[in-house]
Amino acid sequence: MKKFSLFIIAAAIAIGFSAFTSPKSSTTYYYQDSSNQWQSIDGSLVSCIPGTVNNCFETINGTSRQIFKSMSTSDPLKYN
């Protein structure tokens, strides 16, 4: 009974702490559309895990687009 009570208290504390933590903000990445205009894309939609080797490409509206960390072609998102 003592272990069960301890479990209930621990669960209540865990729920209490998780209720007051702010959600992790998502990273914003960029790509150029067919008119070479910069467009933003939410980081949660990008499947590349950041690294250092290969350029990251995502299919956006049926077209493969290179993903950038900022609105600069010299700052591509890379993955391993």
PDB file of N, CA and C in Angstrom:
ATOM      1  N   MET A   1       0.825  -1.192   0.000  1.00  0.00           N
ATOM      2  CA  MET A   1       0.000   0.000   0.000  1.00  0.00           C
ATOM      3  C   MET A   1       0.871   1.258   0.000  1.00  0.00           C
ATOM      4  N   LYS A   2       1.978   1.177   0.735  1.00  0.00           N
ATOM      5  CA  LYS A   2       2.871   2.327   0.822  1.00  0.00           C
ATOM      6  C   LYS A   2       3.485   2.647  -0.550  1.00  0.00           C
ATOM      7  N   LYS A   3       3.883   1.596  -1.295  1.00  0.00           N
ATOM      8  CA  LYS A   3       4.467   1.797  -2.620  1.00  0.00           C
ATOM      9  C   LYS A   3       3.429   2.371  -3.587  1.00  0.00           C
ATOM     10  N   PHE A   4       2.194   1.893  -3.473  1.00  0.00           N
ATOM     11  CA  PHE A   4       1.130   2.393  -4.333  1.00  0.00           C
ATOM     12  C   PHE A   4       0.884   3.873  -4.076  1.00  0.00           C
ATOM     13  N   SER A   5       0.857   4.282  -2.821  1.00  0.00           N
ATOM     14  CA  SER A   5       0.652   5.691  -2.474  1.00  0.00           C
ATOM     15  C   SER A   5       1.799   6.545  -3.003  1.00  0.00           C
ATOM     16  N   LEU A   6       3.013   6.026  -2.881  1.00  0.00           N
ATOM     17  CA  LEU A   6       4.192   6.739  -3.371  1.00  0.00           C
ATOM     18  C   LEU A   6       4.119   6.907  -4.896  1.00  0.00           C
ATOM     19  N   PHE A   7       3.653   5.870  -5.578  1.00  0.00           N
ATOM     20  CA  PHE A   7       3.495   5.928  -7.030  1.00  0.00           C
ATOM     21  C   PHE A   7       2.468   6.988  -7.426  1.00  0.00           C
ATOM     22  N   ILE A   8       1.357   7.031  -6.725  1.00  0.00           N
ATOM     23  CA  ILE A   8       0.308   8.008  -7.028  1.00  0.00           C
ATOM     24  C   ILE A   8       0.833   9.428  -6.821  1.00  0.00           C
ATOM     25  N   ILE A   9       1.564   9.656  -5.758  1.00  0.00           N
ATOM     26  CA  ILE A   9       2.124  10.984  -5.482  1.00  0.00           C
ATOM     27  C   ILE A   9       3.128  11.369  -6.572  1.00  0.00           C
ATOM     28  N   ALA A  10       4.000  10.430  -6.945  1.00  0.00           N
ATOM     29  CA  ALA A  10       5.005  10.703  -7.980  1.00  0.00           C
ATOM     30  C   ALA A  10       4.330  11.010  -9.320  1.00  0.00           C
ATOM     31  N   ALA A  11       3.276  10.270  -9.649  1.00  0.00           N
ATOM     32  CA  ALA A  11       2.559  10.518 -10.905  1.00  0.00           C
ATOM     33  C   ALA A  11       1.904  11.892 -10.894  1.00  0.00           C
ATOM     34  N   ALA A  12       1.325  12.275  -9.765  1.00  0.00           N
ATOM     35  CA  ALA A  12       0.685  13.588  -9.659  1.00  0.00           C
ATOM     36  C   ALA A  12       1.709  14.710  -9.806  1.00  0.00           C
ATOM     37  N   ILE A  13       2.878  14.540  -9.220  1.00  0.00           N
ATOM     38  CA  ILE A  13       3.938  15.550  -9.339  1.00  0.00           C
ATOM     39  C   ILE A  13       4.413  15.645 -10.791  1.00  0.00           C
ATOM     40  N   ALA A  14       4.588  14.499 -11.451  1.00  0.00           N
ATOM     41  CA  ALA A  14       5.033  14.501 -12.853  1.00  0.00           C
ATOM     42  C   ALA A  14       4.017  15.186 -13.752  1.00  0.00           C
ATOM     43  N   ILE A  15       2.764  14.916 -13.542  1.00  0.00           N
ATOM     44  CA  ILE A  15       1.715  15.565 -14.331  1.00  0.00           C
ATOM     45  C   ILE A  15       1.698  17.063 -14.063  1.00  0.00           C
ATOM     46  N   GLY A  16       1.866  17.437 -12.804  1.00  0.00           N
ATOM     47  CA  GLY A  16       1.896  18.860 -12.446  1.00  0.00           C
ATOM     48  C   GLY A  16       3.042  19.601 -13.103  1.00  0.00           C
ATOM     49  N   PHE A  17       4.227  18.999 -13.097  1.00  0.00           N
ATOM     50  CA  PHE A  17       5.372  19.654 -13.736  1.00  0.00           C
ATOM     51  C   PHE A  17       5.195  19.751 -15.241  1.00  0.00           C
ATOM     52  N   SER A  18       4.679  18.709 -15.868  1.00  0.00           N
ATOM     53  CA  SER A  18       4.530  18.737 -17.326  1.00  0.00           C
ATOM     54  C   SER A  18       3.446  19.715 -17.765  1.00  0.00           C
ATOM     55  N   ALA A  19       2.508  20.012 -16.909  1.00  0.00           N
ATOM     56  CA  ALA A  19       1.436  20.939 -17.271  1.00  0.00           C
ATOM     57  C   ALA A  19       1.928  22.379 -17.354  1.00  0.00           C
ATOM     58  N   PHE A  20       3.035  22.675 -16.696  1.00  0.00           N
ATOM     59  CA  PHE A  20       3.515  24.055 -16.653  1.00  0.00           C
ATOM     60  C   PHE A  20       4.777  24.287 -17.456  1.00  0.00           C
ATOM     61  N   THR A  21       5.218  23.319 -18.234  1.00  0.00           N
ATOM     62  CA  THR A  21       6.383  23.530 -19.094  1.00  0.00           C
ATOM     63  C   THR A  21       5.910  24.007 -20.457  1.00  0.00           C
ATOM     64  N   SER A  22       6.647  24.940 -21.024  1.00  0.00           N
ATOM     65  CA  SER A  22       6.257  25.469 -22.330  1.00  0.00           C
ATOM     66  C   SER A  22       6.688  24.485 -23.414  1.00  0.00           C
ATOM     67  N   PRO A  23       5.916  24.365 -24.479  1.00  0.00           N
ATOM     68  CA  PRO A  23       6.292  23.462 -25.561  1.00  0.00           C
ATOM     69  C   PRO A  23       7.545  23.969 -26.265  1.00  0.00           C
ATOM     70  N   LYS A  24       8.333  23.030 -26.775  1.00  0.00           N
ATOM     71  CA  LYS A  24       9.557  23.388 -27.488  1.00  0.00           C
ATOM     72  C   LYS A  24       9.196  24.132 -28.770  1.00  0.00           C
ATOM     73  N   SER A  25       9.828  25.273 -28.966  1.00  0.00           N
ATOM     74  CA  SER A  25       9.543  26.028 -30.187  1.00  0.00           C
ATOM     75  C   SER A  25      10.225  25.334 -31.366  1.00  0.00           C
ATOM     76  N   SER A  26       9.557  25.349 -32.473  1.00  0.00           N
ATOM     77  CA  SER A  26      10.058  24.691 -33.669  1.00  0.00           C
ATOM     78  C   SER A  26      10.983  25.633 -34.433  1.00  0.00           C
ATOM     79  N   THR A  27      11.963  25.053 -35.096  1.00  0.00           N
ATOM     80  CA  THR A  27      12.879  25.817 -35.921  1.00  0.00           C
ATOM     81  C   THR A  27      12.221  26.120 -37.261  1.00  0.00           C
ATOM     82  N   THR A  28      12.503  27.275 -37.795  1.00  0.00           N
ATOM     83  CA  THR A  28      12.008  27.637 -39.122  1.00  0.00           C
ATOM     84  C   THR A  28      13.155  27.540 -40.114  1.00  0.00           C
ATOM     85  N   TYR A  29      12.903  26.856 -41.228  1.00  0.00           N
ATOM     86  CA  TYR A  29      13.869  26.755 -42.311  1.00  0.00           C
ATOM     87  C   TYR A  29      13.288  27.454 -43.535  1.00  0.00           C
ATOM     88  N   TYR A  30      14.091  27.558 -44.584  1.00  0.00           N
ATOM     89  CA  TYR A  30      13.673  28.314 -45.769  1.00  0.00           C
ATOM     90  C   TYR A  30      14.000  27.545 -47.045  1.00  0.00           C
ATOM     91  N   TYR A  31      13.291  27.854 -48.091  1.00  0.00           N
ATOM     92  CA  TYR A  31      13.570  27.318 -49.422  1.00  0.00           C
ATOM     93  C   TYR A  31      13.160  28.377 -50.444  1.00  0.00           C
ATOM     94  N   GLN A  32      13.652  28.217 -51.673  1.00  0.00           N
ATOM     95  CA  GLN A  32      13.276  29.139 -52.738  1.00  0.00           C
ATOM     96  C   GLN A  32      12.225  28.474 -53.622  1.00  0.00           C
ATOM     97  N   ASP A  33      11.146  29.212 -53.900  1.00  0.00           N
ATOM     98  CA  ASP A  33      10.096  28.671 -54.763  1.00  0.00           C
ATOM     99  C   ASP A  33      10.506  28.811 -56.232  1.00  0.00           C
ATOM    100  N   SER A  34       9.605  28.480 -57.146  1.00  0.00           N
ATOM    101  CA  SER A  34       9.926  28.504 -58.577  1.00  0.00           C
ATOM    102  C   SER A  34      10.262  29.902 -59.093  1.00  0.00           C
ATOM    103  N   SER A  35       9.872  30.939 -58.349  1.00  0.00           N
ATOM    104  CA  SER A  35      10.202  32.318 -58.724  1.00  0.00           C
ATOM    105  C   SER A  35      11.433  32.835 -57.985  1.00  0.00           C
ATOM    106  N   ASN A  36      12.147  31.931 -57.327  1.00  0.00           N
ATOM    107  CA  ASN A  36      13.314  32.264 -56.505  1.00  0.00           C
ATOM    108  C   ASN A  36      12.980  33.202 -55.350  1.00  0.00           C
ATOM    109  N   GLN A  37      11.745  33.158 -54.885  1.00  0.00           N
ATOM    110  CA  GLN A  37      11.338  33.915 -53.701  1.00  0.00           C
ATOM    111  C   GLN A  37      11.510  33.016 -52.479  1.00  0.00           C
ATOM    112  N   TRP A  38      11.974  33.576 -51.386  1.00  0.00           N
ATOM    113  CA  TRP A  38      12.164  32.798 -50.163  1.00  0.00           C
ATOM    114  C   TRP A  38      10.828  32.494 -49.509  1.00  0.00           C
ATOM    115  N   GLN A  39      10.660  31.247 -49.126  1.00  0.00           N
ATOM    116  CA  GLN A  39       9.475  30.793 -48.405  1.00  0.00           C
ATOM    117  C   GLN A  39       9.946  30.090 -47.138  1.00  0.00           C
ATOM    118  N   SER A  40       9.167  30.183 -46.079  1.00  0.00           N
ATOM    119  CA  SER A  40       9.542  29.512 -44.835  1.00  0.00           C
ATOM    120  C   SER A  40       8.833  28.171 -44.735  1.00  0.00           C
ATOM    121  N   ILE A  41       9.459  27.263 -44.000  1.00  0.00           N
ATOM    122  CA  ILE A  41       8.874  25.945 -43.744  1.00  0.00           C
ATOM    123  C   ILE A  41       9.150  25.606 -42.289  1.00  0.00           C
ATOM    124  N   ASP A  42       8.151  25.088 -41.614  1.00  0.00           N
ATOM    125  CA  ASP A  42       8.300  24.716 -40.208  1.00  0.00           C
ATOM    126  C   ASP A  42       9.280  23.550 -40.092  1.00  0.00           C
ATOM    127  N   GLY A  43      10.162  23.637 -39.122  1.00  0.00           N
ATOM    128  CA  GLY A  43      11.180  22.606 -38.938  1.00  0.00           C
ATOM    129  C   GLY A  43      10.623  21.222 -38.688  1.00  0.00           C
ATOM    130  N   SER A  44       9.410  21.140 -38.143  1.00  0.00           N
ATOM    131  CA  SER A  44       8.819  19.828 -37.887  1.00  0.00           C
ATOM    132  C   SER A  44       8.448  19.112 -39.182  1.00  0.00           C
ATOM    133  N   LEU A  45       8.389  19.834 -40.296  1.00  0.00           N
ATOM    134  CA  LEU A  45       8.071  19.235 -41.589  1.00  0.00           C
ATOM    135  C   LEU A  45       9.302  18.796 -42.361  1.00  0.00           C
ATOM    136  N   VAL A  46      10.488  19.099 -41.832  1.00  0.00           N
ATOM    137  CA  VAL A  46      11.749  18.752 -42.502  1.00  0.00           C
ATOM    138  C   VAL A  46      12.270  17.451 -41.909  1.00  0.00           C
ATOM    139  N   SER A  47      12.506  16.459 -42.769  1.00  0.00           N
ATOM    140  CA  SER A  47      12.907  15.138 -42.278  1.00  0.00           C
ATOM    141  C   SER A  47      14.414  14.989 -42.085  1.00  0.00           C
ATOM    142  N   CYS A  48      15.213  15.928 -42.579  1.00  0.00           N
ATOM    143  CA  CYS A  48      16.672  15.849 -42.432  1.00  0.00           C
ATOM    144  C   CYS A  48      17.069  16.186 -40.992  1.00  0.00           C
ATOM    145  N   ILE A  49      17.928  15.367 -40.409  1.00  0.00           N
ATOM    146  CA  ILE A  49      18.470  15.658 -39.095  1.00  0.00           C
ATOM    147  C   ILE A  49      19.741  16.473 -39.321  1.00  0.00           C
ATOM    148  N   PRO A  50      19.841  17.677 -38.765  1.00  0.00           N
ATOM    149  CA  PRO A  50      21.000  18.536 -39.041  1.00  0.00           C
ATOM    150  C   PRO A  50      22.336  17.846 -38.798  1.00  0.00           C
ATOM    151  N   GLY A  51      23.244  18.058 -39.714  1.00  0.00           N
ATOM    152  CA  GLY A  51      24.584  17.495 -39.640  1.00  0.00           C
ATOM    153  C   GLY A  51      25.542  18.360 -40.443  1.00  0.00           C
ATOM    154  N   THR A  52      26.520  17.725 -41.106  1.00  0.00           N
ATOM    155  CA  THR A  52      27.554  18.515 -41.778  1.00  0.00           C
ATOM    156  C   THR A  52      27.907  18.054 -43.189  1.00  0.00           C
ATOM    157  N   VAL A  53      27.315  16.983 -43.698  1.00  0.00           N
ATOM    158  CA  VAL A  53      27.824  16.376 -44.921  1.00  0.00           C
ATOM    159  C   VAL A  53      26.996  16.691 -46.174  1.00  0.00           C
ATOM    160  N   ASN A  54      25.754  16.277 -46.214  1.00  0.00           N
ATOM    161  CA  ASN A  54      24.923  16.358 -47.424  1.00  0.00           C
ATOM    162  C   ASN A  54      23.909  17.492 -47.350  1.00  0.00           C
ATOM    163  N   ASN A  55      23.618  18.114 -48.488  1.00  0.00           N
ATOM    164  CA  ASN A  55      22.575  19.136 -48.534  1.00  0.00           C
ATOM    165  C   ASN A  55      21.209  18.480 -48.370  1.00  0.00           C
ATOM    166  N   CYS A  56      20.320  19.141 -47.665  1.00  0.00           N
ATOM    167  CA  CYS A  56      18.986  18.629 -47.393  1.00  0.00           C
ATOM    168  C   CYS A  56      18.007  19.093 -48.470  1.00  0.00           C
ATOM    169  N   PHE A  57      17.248  18.157 -49.021  1.00  0.00           N
ATOM    170  CA  PHE A  57      16.200  18.460 -49.999  1.00  0.00           C
ATOM    171  C   PHE A  57      14.890  17.875 -49.485  1.00  0.00           C
ATOM    172  N   GLU A  58      13.807  18.611 -49.667  1.00  0.00           N
ATOM    173  CA  GLU A  58      12.469  18.149 -49.311  1.00  0.00           C
ATOM    174  C   GLU A  58      11.561  18.341 -50.515  1.00  0.00           C
ATOM    175  N   THR A  59      10.562  17.483 -50.654  1.00  0.00           N
ATOM    176  CA  THR A  59       9.573  17.641 -51.717  1.00  0.00           C
ATOM    177  C   THR A  59       8.466  18.548 -51.205  1.00  0.00           C
ATOM    178  N   ILE A  60       8.321  19.692 -51.844  1.00  0.00           N
ATOM    179  CA  ILE A  60       7.318  20.692 -51.458  1.00  0.00           C
ATOM    180  C   ILE A  60       6.452  20.954 -52.677  1.00  0.00           C
ATOM    181  N   ASN A  61       5.162  20.724 -52.534  1.00  0.00           N
ATOM    182  CA  ASN A  61       4.212  20.886 -53.647  1.00  0.00           C
ATOM    183  C   ASN A  61       4.652  20.101 -54.888  1.00  0.00           C
ATOM    184  N   GLY A  62       5.163  18.899 -54.661  1.00  0.00           N
ATOM    185  CA  GLY A  62       5.553  18.023 -55.765  1.00  0.00           C
ATOM    186  C   GLY A  62       6.904  18.306 -56.382  1.00  0.00           C
ATOM    187  N   THR A  63       7.640  19.276 -55.852  1.00  0.00           N
ATOM    188  CA  THR A  63       8.947  19.641 -56.406  1.00  0.00           C
ATOM    189  C   THR A  63      10.016  19.539 -55.323  1.00  0.00           C
ATOM    190  N   SER A  64      11.156  18.969 -55.667  1.00  0.00           N
ATOM    191  CA  SER A  64      12.266  18.864 -54.722  1.00  0.00           C
ATOM    192  C   SER A  64      12.904  20.239 -54.537  1.00  0.00           C
ATOM    193  N   ARG A  65      13.000  20.664 -53.300  1.00  0.00           N
ATOM    194  CA  ARG A  65      13.575  21.983 -52.975  1.00  0.00           C
ATOM    195  C   ARG A  65      14.697  21.810 -51.951  1.00  0.00           C
ATOM    196  N   GLN A  66      15.786  22.555 -52.161  1.00  0.00           N
ATOM    197  CA  GLN A  66      16.858  22.549 -51.181  1.00  0.00           C
ATOM    198  C   GLN A  66      16.439  23.401 -49.991  1.00  0.00           C
ATOM    199  N   ILE A  67      16.760  22.934 -48.779  1.00  0.00           N
ATOM    200  CA  ILE A  67      16.378  23.613 -47.547  1.00  0.00           C
ATOM    201  C   ILE A  67      17.580  24.387 -47.010  1.00  0.00           C
ATOM    202  N   PHE A  68      17.322  25.605 -46.530  1.00  0.00           N
ATOM    203  CA  PHE A  68      18.367  26.482 -45.995  1.00  0.00           C
ATOM    204  C   PHE A  68      18.039  26.871 -44.552  1.00  0.00           C
ATOM    205  N   LYS A  69      19.082  27.150 -43.774  1.00  0.00           N
ATOM    206  CA  LYS A  69      18.899  27.572 -42.381  1.00  0.00           C
ATOM    207  C   LYS A  69      18.502  29.036 -42.270  1.00  0.00           C
ATOM    208  N   SER A  70      18.826  29.822 -43.278  1.00  0.00           N
ATOM    209  CA  SER A  70      18.458  31.239 -43.299  1.00  0.00           C
ATOM    210  C   SER A  70      18.142  31.600 -44.758  1.00  0.00           C
ATOM    211  N   MET A  71      17.748  32.824 -44.983  1.00  0.00           N
ATOM    212  CA  MET A  71      17.440  33.257 -46.355  1.00  0.00           C
ATOM    213  C   MET A  71      18.714  33.620 -47.100  1.00  0.00           C
ATOM    214  N   SER A  72      19.599  32.652 -47.199  1.00  0.00           N
ATOM    215  CA  SER A  72      20.871  32.838 -47.898  1.00  0.00           C
ATOM    216  C   SER A  72      21.276  31.506 -48.524  1.00  0.00           C
ATOM    217  N   THR A  73      21.624  31.544 -49.811  1.00  0.00           N
ATOM    218  CA  THR A  73      22.043  30.308 -50.484  1.00  0.00           C
ATOM    219  C   THR A  73      23.384  29.811 -49.978  1.00  0.00           C
ATOM    220  N   SER A  74      24.076  30.617 -49.197  1.00  0.00           N
ATOM    221  CA  SER A  74      25.358  30.166 -48.636  1.00  0.00           C
ATOM    222  C   SER A  74      25.176  29.518 -47.273  1.00  0.00           C
ATOM    223  N   ASP A  75      23.925  29.283 -46.854  1.00  0.00           N
ATOM    224  CA  ASP A  75      23.653  28.691 -45.539  1.00  0.00           C
ATOM    225  C   ASP A  75      22.711  27.490 -45.666  1.00  0.00           C
ATOM    226  N   PRO A  76      23.124  26.452 -46.417  1.00  0.00           N
ATOM    227  CA  PRO A  76      22.235  25.299 -46.613  1.00  0.00           C
ATOM    228  C   PRO A  76      22.140  24.437 -45.353  1.00  0.00           C
ATOM    229  N   LEU A  77      20.981  23.805 -45.187  1.00  0.00           N
ATOM    230  CA  LEU A  77      20.825  22.814 -44.124  1.00  0.00           C
ATOM    231  C   LEU A  77      21.483  21.548 -44.602  1.00  0.00           C
ATOM    232  N   LYS A  78      22.356  20.985 -43.794  1.00  0.00           N
ATOM    233  CA  LYS A  78      23.072  19.764 -44.153  1.00  0.00           C
ATOM    234  C   LYS A  78      22.714  18.655 -43.167  1.00  0.00           C
ATOM    235  N   TYR A  79      22.900  17.418 -43.601  1.00  0.00           N
ATOM    236  CA  TYR A  79      22.682  16.275 -42.723  1.00  0.00           C
ATOM    237  C   TYR A  79      23.790  15.264 -42.957  1.00  0.00           C
ATOM    238  N   ASN A  80      23.910  14.304 -42.050  1.00  0.00           N
ATOM    239  CA  ASN A  80      24.950  13.276 -42.175  1.00  0.00           C
ATOM    240  C   ASN A  80      24.418  12.041 -42.858  1.00  0.00           C
TER     241      ASN A  80
END
